[in-house]
Each structure stands twice: as C-alpha cells, then as structure tokens.
Amino acid sequence: MSIMPEELRGQAAGLVESFADKGKVIATAESCTGGMIAAGLTDIAGASSVLDRGFVTYSNAAKTEMIGVPTALIEAHGAVSEAVARAMAEGALAASRADVALSVTGIAGPGGGSVAKPVGLVHLALASRRGTTHRMERFGDVGRAEVRLQTVALAYAMLGEWLAAQEPAATGP
C-alpha cells in the first residue's frame, strides 16, 4: 500500500528511475511537509540508490542544529522565507553526499498565517554545486493536507526540472 496518492507515486517513481539512470543523488530538508517528500521517494523500490538522506527540520532549532541555518537568519526573515529555504537546501547539500538538495518551509495551516505570510505560503529551494534556486508558491487556504500534497508535487517537479538540465551520465568507452 502506497502512502502517496497515485499521481504523486507516479512522479516519485519517475524521479527514482531518472535519477538512477543519470547516477544522481538527492537529499531533502523538510519543514511543513514533515518528511513527505523523502517518504514518497522511499515508497518506490530502488530509492536507496538515489536518496542519500532526508532532514525533517520542523523546529527552528532543528534547522540550526541539523543543517546549519543561522539563528540570526531565522530571526531576521522568519522560518518561512526565501532566505531560510535557501539556507536549508544549502545546509542539506553540505551535510550530505547528494548532488542536489531540496528544501521546503511553509505554513500548511489551518492556523499560523498572517497578512504577510498567509496559510498556504510555501518556499522551496534547490541547491546543487552550481548554485541555489528558489520558488515561492501561494496555494491558499486549501486545507493542511492539500497544501502539503501540492508542495510535494511541486518539489518533485523541481527535482525533475533540475535533472533534465544536467549533463548525461558518462558512458563507457
């Protein structure tokens, strides 16, 4: 039995196959998704060849202690921000053996939002040796489960886009 809806399971299966084909490895740093991105990947047989590790950094202390997000950065921008998402991805990359690290921080709801940072606001970042990219999404107040599932789908799409932009794996002589 899969923990993910069939559409997300299909995305995860495609990622596992494609990352394995290109010999690339993933790490994750997750806050509002609580490990769902990594869990969806590990739902697929063969994921051990492409998922190095996943950090569930739900608290600010975990972000700092596990992946080195500076406390001052969190205090200056808030945990749900582009700056923190970027630092999470970069920290996960540095603390792993991965080629790419994807992070997510957001407000899944139902509470915790504000005018500046409403429920459904999510920041994702993807870090590799070539740099870090960021994406912000406002899913709206569609319910906690839906925000989290849509975030996983977006994370998988970002990983797929990153992989498609990579050089093909080296082949033998």
N, C-alpha and C. Protein backbone atom coordinates (compact mmCIF):
# COMPACT_ATOMS: atom_id res chain seq x y z
N MET A 1 0.84 -1.18 0.00
CA MET A 1 0.00 0.00 0.00
C MET A 1 0.89 1.24 0.00
N SER A 2 0.62 2.16 -0.89
CA SER A 2 1.39 3.39 -1.00
C SER A 2 0.89 4.44 -0.02
N ILE A 3 1.81 5.24 0.48
CA ILE A 3 1.41 6.34 1.36
C ILE A 3 0.99 7.57 0.58
N MET A 4 1.26 7.58 -0.71
CA MET A 4 1.01 8.75 -1.55
C MET A 4 -0.15 8.50 -2.51
N PRO A 5 -0.84 9.58 -2.89
CA PRO A 5 -1.83 9.44 -3.96
C PRO A 5 -1.14 8.94 -5.24
N GLU A 6 -1.88 8.28 -6.07
CA GLU A 6 -1.30 7.63 -7.25
C GLU A 6 -0.51 8.60 -8.14
N GLU A 7 -1.00 9.82 -8.33
CA GLU A 7 -0.30 10.78 -9.18
C GLU A 7 1.08 11.10 -8.61
N LEU A 8 1.17 11.32 -7.30
CA LEU A 8 2.46 11.60 -6.68
C LEU A 8 3.36 10.38 -6.69
N ARG A 9 2.77 9.21 -6.52
CA ARG A 9 3.56 7.97 -6.59
C ARG A 9 4.17 7.83 -7.98
N GLY A 10 3.42 8.18 -9.00
CA GLY A 10 3.96 8.13 -10.36
C GLY A 10 5.11 9.11 -10.55
N GLN A 11 4.96 10.32 -10.01
CA GLN A 11 6.05 11.30 -10.08
C GLN A 11 7.28 10.78 -9.36
N ALA A 12 7.09 10.22 -8.18
CA ALA A 12 8.21 9.70 -7.40
C ALA A 12 8.90 8.55 -8.15
N ALA A 13 8.12 7.66 -8.73
CA ALA A 13 8.70 6.54 -9.48
C ALA A 13 9.52 7.04 -10.66
N GLY A 14 9.01 8.04 -11.36
CA GLY A 14 9.75 8.61 -12.47
C GLY A 14 11.05 9.24 -12.02
N LEU A 15 11.03 9.93 -10.88
CA LEU A 15 12.25 10.54 -10.36
C LEU A 15 13.27 9.49 -9.97
N VAL A 16 12.82 8.46 -9.25
CA VAL A 16 13.76 7.41 -8.83
C VAL A 16 14.42 6.78 -10.06
N GLU A 17 13.63 6.46 -11.06
CA GLU A 17 14.19 5.85 -12.28
C GLU A 17 15.15 6.81 -12.99
N SER A 18 14.74 8.05 -13.16
CA SER A 18 15.56 9.02 -13.89
C SER A 18 16.84 9.37 -13.15
N PHE A 19 16.74 9.57 -11.83
CA PHE A 19 17.94 9.88 -11.05
C PHE A 19 18.89 8.68 -11.07
N ALA A 20 18.36 7.48 -10.98
CA ALA A 20 19.21 6.28 -11.05
C ALA A 20 19.89 6.18 -12.41
N ASP A 21 19.15 6.44 -13.47
CA ASP A 21 19.73 6.38 -14.82
C ASP A 21 20.89 7.35 -14.99
N LYS A 22 20.79 8.52 -14.37
CA LYS A 22 21.84 9.54 -14.50
C LYS A 22 22.86 9.50 -13.37
N GLY A 23 22.68 8.57 -12.44
CA GLY A 23 23.63 8.44 -11.35
C GLY A 23 23.66 9.63 -10.41
N LYS A 24 22.54 10.27 -10.20
CA LYS A 24 22.45 11.45 -9.33
C LYS A 24 21.75 11.10 -8.02
N VAL A 25 22.10 11.84 -6.97
CA VAL A 25 21.62 11.55 -5.63
C VAL A 25 20.97 12.79 -5.02
N ILE A 26 19.90 12.58 -4.25
CA ILE A 26 19.06 13.62 -3.66
C ILE A 26 19.20 13.61 -2.14
N ALA A 27 19.11 14.81 -1.55
CA ALA A 27 18.88 14.97 -0.11
C ALA A 27 17.71 15.94 0.03
N THR A 28 17.00 15.84 1.13
CA THR A 28 15.89 16.75 1.38
C THR A 28 16.03 17.38 2.76
N ALA A 29 15.47 18.58 2.90
CA ALA A 29 15.34 19.26 4.19
C ALA A 29 13.91 19.78 4.23
N GLU A 30 13.10 19.19 5.09
CA GLU A 30 11.67 19.48 5.07
C GLU A 30 11.18 20.02 6.40
N SER A 31 10.35 21.04 6.29
CA SER A 31 9.69 21.57 7.47
C SER A 31 8.20 21.25 7.39
N CYS A 32 7.42 22.03 6.66
CA CYS A 32 5.96 21.86 6.67
C CYS A 32 5.49 20.52 6.10
N THR A 33 6.30 19.87 5.28
CA THR A 33 5.91 18.57 4.74
C THR A 33 6.32 17.42 5.65
N GLY A 34 7.11 17.68 6.66
CA GLY A 34 7.42 16.69 7.68
C GLY A 34 8.01 15.39 7.17
N GLY A 35 8.73 15.42 6.08
CA GLY A 35 9.36 14.22 5.54
C GLY A 35 8.59 13.55 4.41
N MET A 36 7.49 14.16 3.99
CA MET A 36 6.66 13.53 2.94
C MET A 36 7.39 13.40 1.61
N ILE A 37 8.27 14.35 1.28
CA ILE A 37 8.99 14.29 0.00
C ILE A 37 9.89 13.06 -0.01
N ALA A 38 10.67 12.90 1.05
CA ALA A 38 11.55 11.73 1.15
C ALA A 38 10.75 10.44 1.27
N ALA A 39 9.67 10.47 2.05
CA ALA A 39 8.85 9.27 2.23
C ALA A 39 8.25 8.81 0.91
N GLY A 40 7.81 9.76 0.10
CA GLY A 40 7.25 9.38 -1.21
C GLY A 40 8.29 8.73 -2.10
N LEU A 41 9.52 9.22 -2.03
CA LEU A 41 10.59 8.61 -2.82
C LEU A 41 10.90 7.20 -2.32
N THR A 42 10.96 7.04 -0.99
CA THR A 42 11.30 5.73 -0.44
C THR A 42 10.15 4.73 -0.57
N ASP A 43 9.01 5.19 -1.00
CA ASP A 43 7.89 4.30 -1.29
C ASP A 43 8.16 3.50 -2.57
N ILE A 44 9.16 3.93 -3.32
CA ILE A 44 9.49 3.31 -4.60
C ILE A 44 10.70 2.38 -4.44
N ALA A 45 10.57 1.17 -4.91
CA ALA A 45 11.70 0.24 -4.87
C ALA A 45 12.87 0.83 -5.65
N GLY A 46 14.05 0.72 -5.10
CA GLY A 46 15.23 1.27 -5.74
C GLY A 46 15.61 2.66 -5.29
N ALA A 47 14.80 3.25 -4.40
CA ALA A 47 15.07 4.61 -3.93
C ALA A 47 16.41 4.73 -3.21
N SER A 48 16.88 3.63 -2.65
CA SER A 48 18.15 3.70 -1.90
C SER A 48 19.32 4.10 -2.79
N SER A 49 19.18 3.95 -4.09
CA SER A 49 20.26 4.34 -4.99
C SER A 49 20.24 5.84 -5.31
N VAL A 50 19.15 6.53 -4.96
CA VAL A 50 19.05 7.95 -5.32
C VAL A 50 18.76 8.89 -4.15
N LEU A 51 18.35 8.39 -3.01
CA LEU A 51 18.07 9.24 -1.86
C LEU A 51 19.14 8.99 -0.80
N ASP A 52 19.97 10.01 -0.58
CA ASP A 52 21.03 9.88 0.41
C ASP A 52 20.48 10.02 1.81
N ARG A 53 19.72 11.10 2.05
CA ARG A 53 19.16 11.34 3.38
C ARG A 53 18.10 12.42 3.31
N GLY A 54 17.26 12.42 4.34
CA GLY A 54 16.25 13.45 4.48
C GLY A 54 16.28 14.01 5.89
N PHE A 55 16.30 15.32 5.97
CA PHE A 55 16.28 16.00 7.26
C PHE A 55 14.87 16.54 7.48
N VAL A 56 14.26 16.18 8.60
CA VAL A 56 12.98 16.78 8.97
C VAL A 56 13.33 17.84 10.01
N THR A 57 13.31 19.09 9.55
CA THR A 57 13.73 20.22 10.39
C THR A 57 12.51 21.08 10.68
N TYR A 58 11.60 20.50 11.42
CA TYR A 58 10.32 21.15 11.70
C TYR A 58 10.48 22.36 12.62
N SER A 59 11.35 22.24 13.60
CA SER A 59 11.57 23.36 14.52
C SER A 59 12.72 24.23 14.04
N ASN A 60 12.75 25.46 14.52
CA ASN A 60 13.87 26.35 14.19
C ASN A 60 15.18 25.78 14.73
N ALA A 61 15.14 25.18 15.92
CA ALA A 61 16.34 24.59 16.50
C ALA A 61 16.87 23.48 15.60
N ALA A 62 15.99 22.67 15.05
CA ALA A 62 16.43 21.59 14.15
C ALA A 62 17.08 22.16 12.89
N LYS A 63 16.52 23.23 12.36
CA LYS A 63 17.10 23.87 11.18
C LYS A 63 18.54 24.30 11.47
N THR A 64 18.75 24.85 12.65
CA THR A 64 20.08 25.32 13.04
C THR A 64 21.01 24.16 13.37
N GLU A 65 20.56 23.25 14.21
CA GLU A 65 21.41 22.17 14.69
C GLU A 65 21.74 21.12 13.63
N MET A 66 20.78 20.77 12.79
CA MET A 66 20.98 19.69 11.83
C MET A 66 21.63 20.14 10.53
N ILE A 67 21.25 21.32 10.04
CA ILE A 67 21.75 21.73 8.72
C ILE A 67 22.35 23.12 8.70
N GLY A 68 22.60 23.67 9.87
CA GLY A 68 23.38 24.89 9.98
C GLY A 68 22.73 26.18 9.56
N VAL A 69 21.40 26.25 9.58
CA VAL A 69 20.74 27.51 9.26
C VAL A 69 21.02 28.48 10.41
N PRO A 70 21.62 29.62 10.13
CA PRO A 70 21.95 30.55 11.21
C PRO A 70 20.69 31.06 11.93
N THR A 71 20.75 31.05 13.25
CA THR A 71 19.65 31.56 14.07
C THR A 71 19.32 33.00 13.68
N ALA A 72 20.36 33.79 13.43
CA ALA A 72 20.15 35.20 13.06
C ALA A 72 19.36 35.33 11.76
N LEU A 73 19.55 34.40 10.84
CA LEU A 73 18.81 34.42 9.57
C LEU A 73 17.32 34.16 9.83
N ILE A 74 17.05 33.19 10.68
CA ILE A 74 15.66 32.87 11.02
C ILE A 74 15.02 34.05 11.74
N GLU A 75 15.75 34.67 12.66
CA GLU A 75 15.22 35.82 13.40
C GLU A 75 14.96 37.00 12.48
N ALA A 76 15.83 37.20 11.50
CA ALA A 76 15.70 38.35 10.60
C ALA A 76 14.59 38.18 9.57
N HIS A 77 14.41 36.97 9.07
CA HIS A 77 13.47 36.75 7.95
C HIS A 77 12.27 35.89 8.30
N GLY A 78 12.34 35.16 9.41
CA GLY A 78 11.31 34.20 9.75
C GLY A 78 11.61 32.86 9.12
N ALA A 79 11.13 31.80 9.75
CA ALA A 79 11.40 30.45 9.24
C ALA A 79 10.81 30.23 7.86
N VAL A 80 9.69 30.88 7.58
CA VAL A 80 9.04 30.74 6.27
C VAL A 80 9.47 31.93 5.42
N SER A 81 10.58 31.74 4.71
CA SER A 81 11.15 32.82 3.90
C SER A 81 12.08 32.24 2.84
N GLU A 82 12.33 33.04 1.83
CA GLU A 82 13.27 32.62 0.80
C GLU A 82 14.65 32.38 1.39
N ALA A 83 15.11 33.29 2.24
CA ALA A 83 16.46 33.18 2.81
C ALA A 83 16.63 31.87 3.58
N VAL A 84 15.64 31.51 4.37
CA VAL A 84 15.74 30.28 5.16
C VAL A 84 15.62 29.06 4.26
N ALA A 85 14.75 29.09 3.27
CA ALA A 85 14.64 27.95 2.34
C ALA A 85 15.97 27.72 1.64
N ARG A 86 16.60 28.78 1.18
CA ARG A 86 17.91 28.65 0.52
C ARG A 86 18.96 28.08 1.48
N ALA A 87 18.99 28.60 2.70
CA ALA A 87 19.97 28.11 3.68
C ALA A 87 19.72 26.65 4.03
N MET A 88 18.45 26.26 4.08
CA MET A 88 18.12 24.85 4.36
C MET A 88 18.64 23.95 3.25
N ALA A 89 18.40 24.32 2.00
CA ALA A 89 18.86 23.49 0.88
C ALA A 89 20.39 23.42 0.86
N GLU A 90 21.02 24.56 1.05
CA GLU A 90 22.49 24.59 1.04
C GLU A 90 23.07 23.80 2.20
N GLY A 91 22.43 23.89 3.37
CA GLY A 91 22.88 23.13 4.52
C GLY A 91 22.71 21.64 4.34
N ALA A 92 21.59 21.22 3.75
CA ALA A 92 21.36 19.80 3.49
C ALA A 92 22.37 19.27 2.48
N LEU A 93 22.68 20.08 1.48
CA LEU A 93 23.68 19.67 0.49
C LEU A 93 25.04 19.47 1.16
N ALA A 94 25.42 20.43 1.99
CA ALA A 94 26.71 20.37 2.67
C ALA A 94 26.80 19.20 3.66
N ALA A 95 25.67 18.82 4.25
CA ALA A 95 25.65 17.76 5.26
C ALA A 95 25.35 16.39 4.67
N SER A 96 25.43 16.27 3.35
CA SER A 96 25.09 15.00 2.69
C SER A 96 26.11 14.67 1.61
N ARG A 97 25.85 13.58 0.94
CA ARG A 97 26.65 13.17 -0.21
C ARG A 97 25.86 13.32 -1.50
N ALA A 98 24.86 14.17 -1.45
CA ALA A 98 23.94 14.33 -2.58
C ALA A 98 24.50 15.28 -3.64
N ASP A 99 23.96 15.13 -4.83
CA ASP A 99 24.26 16.05 -5.93
C ASP A 99 23.33 17.25 -5.89
N VAL A 100 22.16 17.05 -5.30
CA VAL A 100 21.16 18.11 -5.22
C VAL A 100 20.38 17.95 -3.92
N ALA A 101 20.05 19.08 -3.31
CA ALA A 101 19.23 19.06 -2.10
C ALA A 101 18.04 19.98 -2.30
N LEU A 102 16.89 19.51 -1.88
CA LEU A 102 15.66 20.28 -2.00
C LEU A 102 15.12 20.56 -0.60
N SER A 103 14.75 21.81 -0.36
CA SER A 103 14.18 22.17 0.95
C SER A 103 12.80 22.78 0.77
N VAL A 104 12.04 22.70 1.85
CA VAL A 104 10.72 23.33 1.86
C VAL A 104 10.42 23.84 3.27
N THR A 105 9.86 25.03 3.31
CA THR A 105 9.38 25.62 4.55
C THR A 105 8.12 26.40 4.22
N GLY A 106 7.10 26.26 5.04
CA GLY A 106 5.85 26.94 4.72
C GLY A 106 4.86 26.89 5.85
N ILE A 107 3.67 27.40 5.56
CA ILE A 107 2.58 27.45 6.53
C ILE A 107 1.43 26.62 5.96
N ALA A 108 1.29 25.41 6.48
CA ALA A 108 0.27 24.49 5.97
C ALA A 108 -1.11 24.77 6.56
N GLY A 109 -1.15 25.42 7.72
CA GLY A 109 -2.43 25.74 8.34
C GLY A 109 -2.93 24.63 9.24
N PRO A 110 -4.12 24.78 9.77
CA PRO A 110 -5.07 25.83 9.46
C PRO A 110 -4.72 27.17 10.09
N GLY A 111 -3.93 27.19 11.14
CA GLY A 111 -3.53 28.45 11.77
C GLY A 111 -2.10 28.80 11.41
N GLY A 112 -1.59 29.84 12.05
CA GLY A 112 -0.20 30.21 11.88
C GLY A 112 0.08 31.22 10.81
N GLY A 113 -0.91 31.57 10.02
CA GLY A 113 -0.71 32.54 8.96
C GLY A 113 -0.87 33.97 9.43
N SER A 114 -0.46 34.90 8.58
CA SER A 114 -0.62 36.33 8.83
C SER A 114 -0.89 37.00 7.49
N VAL A 115 -1.10 38.29 7.50
CA VAL A 115 -1.31 39.01 6.24
C VAL A 115 -0.07 38.89 5.36
N ALA A 116 1.10 39.05 5.95
CA ALA A 116 2.35 38.97 5.19
C ALA A 116 2.69 37.55 4.78
N LYS A 117 2.35 36.60 5.64
CA LYS A 117 2.66 35.19 5.38
C LYS A 117 1.40 34.36 5.64
N PRO A 118 0.54 34.29 4.63
CA PRO A 118 -0.75 33.60 4.82
C PRO A 118 -0.61 32.08 4.80
N VAL A 119 -1.63 31.43 5.33
CA VAL A 119 -1.71 29.98 5.23
C VAL A 119 -1.63 29.60 3.75
N GLY A 120 -0.85 28.58 3.47
CA GLY A 120 -0.66 28.14 2.09
C GLY A 120 0.59 28.69 1.44
N LEU A 121 1.31 29.58 2.12
CA LEU A 121 2.57 30.12 1.59
C LEU A 121 3.67 29.09 1.80
N VAL A 122 4.38 28.77 0.73
CA VAL A 122 5.46 27.79 0.79
C VAL A 122 6.67 28.32 0.03
N HIS A 123 7.84 28.12 0.61
CA HIS A 123 9.11 28.44 -0.06
C HIS A 123 9.86 27.14 -0.26
N LEU A 124 10.31 26.91 -1.48
CA LEU A 124 11.13 25.74 -1.80
C LEU A 124 12.45 26.24 -2.37
N ALA A 125 13.51 25.52 -2.11
CA ALA A 125 14.80 25.86 -2.69
C ALA A 125 15.48 24.57 -3.10
N LEU A 126 16.30 24.69 -4.12
CA LEU A 126 17.04 23.55 -4.65
C LEU A 126 18.49 23.98 -4.77
N ALA A 127 19.38 23.25 -4.11
CA ALA A 127 20.80 23.59 -4.12
C ALA A 127 21.60 22.47 -4.76
N SER A 128 22.55 22.86 -5.59
CA SER A 128 23.50 21.92 -6.17
C SER A 128 24.85 22.62 -6.18
N ARG A 129 25.87 21.95 -6.67
CA ARG A 129 27.20 22.54 -6.72
C ARG A 129 27.23 23.77 -7.65
N ARG A 130 26.24 23.89 -8.50
CA ARG A 130 26.17 25.02 -9.45
C ARG A 130 25.41 26.23 -8.89
N GLY A 131 24.83 26.11 -7.71
CA GLY A 131 24.10 27.23 -7.13
C GLY A 131 22.76 26.81 -6.57
N THR A 132 22.00 27.81 -6.14
CA THR A 132 20.72 27.58 -5.48
C THR A 132 19.63 28.35 -6.20
N THR A 133 18.50 27.69 -6.40
CA THR A 133 17.33 28.34 -6.97
C THR A 133 16.22 28.32 -5.93
N HIS A 134 15.24 29.19 -6.12
CA HIS A 134 14.15 29.33 -5.17
C HIS A 134 12.83 29.44 -5.91
N ARG A 135 11.81 28.96 -5.26
CA ARG A 135 10.46 29.12 -5.80
C ARG A 135 9.50 29.35 -4.63
N MET A 136 8.65 30.33 -4.78
CA MET A 136 7.62 30.59 -3.78
C MET A 136 6.27 30.26 -4.40
N GLU A 137 5.41 29.66 -3.60
CA GLU A 137 4.07 29.32 -4.09
C GLU A 137 3.07 29.71 -3.01
N ARG A 138 1.94 30.22 -3.46
CA ARG A 138 0.82 30.52 -2.56
C ARG A 138 -0.34 29.62 -2.97
N PHE A 139 -0.47 28.51 -2.26
CA PHE A 139 -1.53 27.57 -2.58
C PHE A 139 -2.89 28.04 -2.06
N GLY A 140 -2.88 28.95 -1.09
CA GLY A 140 -4.10 29.42 -0.48
C GLY A 140 -4.51 28.52 0.67
N ASP A 141 -5.57 28.90 1.33
CA ASP A 141 -6.06 28.16 2.49
C ASP A 141 -6.94 27.01 1.99
N VAL A 142 -6.29 26.00 1.40
CA VAL A 142 -6.99 24.86 0.80
C VAL A 142 -7.03 23.64 1.72
N GLY A 143 -6.55 23.82 2.95
CA GLY A 143 -6.50 22.71 3.91
C GLY A 143 -5.08 22.20 4.06
N ARG A 144 -4.76 21.82 5.26
CA ARG A 144 -3.40 21.38 5.60
C ARG A 144 -2.91 20.25 4.70
N ALA A 145 -3.71 19.22 4.56
CA ALA A 145 -3.29 18.07 3.76
C ALA A 145 -3.04 18.48 2.30
N GLU A 146 -3.91 19.31 1.76
CA GLU A 146 -3.77 19.71 0.36
C GLU A 146 -2.53 20.59 0.15
N VAL A 147 -2.25 21.49 1.07
CA VAL A 147 -1.03 22.31 0.96
C VAL A 147 0.19 21.40 0.94
N ARG A 148 0.21 20.43 1.82
CA ARG A 148 1.37 19.53 1.89
C ARG A 148 1.49 18.67 0.63
N LEU A 149 0.39 18.14 0.13
CA LEU A 149 0.45 17.32 -1.09
C LEU A 149 0.86 18.15 -2.31
N GLN A 150 0.32 19.36 -2.43
CA GLN A 150 0.71 20.22 -3.55
C GLN A 150 2.18 20.61 -3.45
N THR A 151 2.68 20.76 -2.24
CA THR A 151 4.10 21.08 -2.05
C THR A 151 4.97 19.92 -2.49
N VAL A 152 4.58 18.70 -2.15
CA VAL A 152 5.33 17.52 -2.59
C VAL A 152 5.36 17.45 -4.12
N ALA A 153 4.22 17.69 -4.76
CA ALA A 153 4.16 17.66 -6.22
C ALA A 153 5.09 18.70 -6.82
N LEU A 154 5.11 19.90 -6.25
CA LEU A 154 5.98 20.95 -6.74
C LEU A 154 7.45 20.59 -6.52
N ALA A 155 7.76 20.01 -5.38
CA ALA A 155 9.13 19.58 -5.09
C ALA A 155 9.59 18.55 -6.12
N TYR A 156 8.74 17.59 -6.42
CA TYR A 156 9.09 16.57 -7.41
C TYR A 156 9.29 17.20 -8.79
N ALA A 157 8.45 18.16 -9.13
CA ALA A 157 8.61 18.85 -10.41
C ALA A 157 9.94 19.60 -10.46
N MET A 158 10.31 20.27 -9.38
CA MET A 158 11.59 20.99 -9.34
C MET A 158 12.77 20.03 -9.47
N LEU A 159 12.70 18.89 -8.81
CA LEU A 159 13.77 17.90 -8.94
C LEU A 159 13.86 17.38 -10.37
N GLY A 160 12.72 17.14 -10.99
CA GLY A 160 12.71 16.68 -12.38
C GLY A 160 13.29 17.71 -13.32
N GLU A 161 12.95 18.98 -13.12
CA GLU A 161 13.49 20.05 -13.95
C GLU A 161 15.01 20.16 -13.78
N TRP A 162 15.48 20.04 -12.55
CA TRP A 162 16.92 20.10 -12.29
C TRP A 162 17.63 18.96 -13.02
N LEU A 163 17.08 17.76 -12.90
CA LEU A 163 17.71 16.59 -13.52
C LEU A 163 17.74 16.73 -15.04
N ALA A 164 16.67 17.23 -15.62
CA ALA A 164 16.61 17.39 -17.08
C ALA A 164 17.68 18.36 -17.59
N ALA A 165 18.12 19.27 -16.74
CA ALA A 165 19.12 20.26 -17.13
C ALA A 165 20.56 19.76 -16.95
N GLN A 166 20.72 18.55 -16.42
CA GLN A 166 22.05 18.02 -16.15
C GLN A 166 22.66 17.33 -17.37
N GLU A 167 23.95 17.27 -17.33
CA GLU A 167 24.68 16.54 -18.39
C GLU A 167 24.31 15.06 -18.30
N PRO A 168 24.30 14.35 -19.43
CA PRO A 168 24.04 12.91 -19.38
C PRO A 168 25.14 12.19 -18.60
N ALA A 169 24.79 11.08 -17.99
CA ALA A 169 25.77 10.28 -17.26
C ALA A 169 26.85 9.79 -18.22
N ALA A 170 28.06 9.74 -17.74
CA ALA A 170 29.18 9.27 -18.58
C ALA A 170 28.98 7.80 -18.90
N THR A 171 29.30 7.43 -20.11
CA THR A 171 29.20 6.02 -20.51
C THR A 171 30.58 5.47 -20.78
N GLY A 172 30.67 4.19 -20.79
CA GLY A 172 31.97 3.51 -21.00
C GLY A 172 32.52 3.76 -22.39
N PRO A 173 33.81 3.38 -22.61
CA PRO A 173 34.47 3.62 -23.92
C PRO A 173 33.85 2.90 -25.07
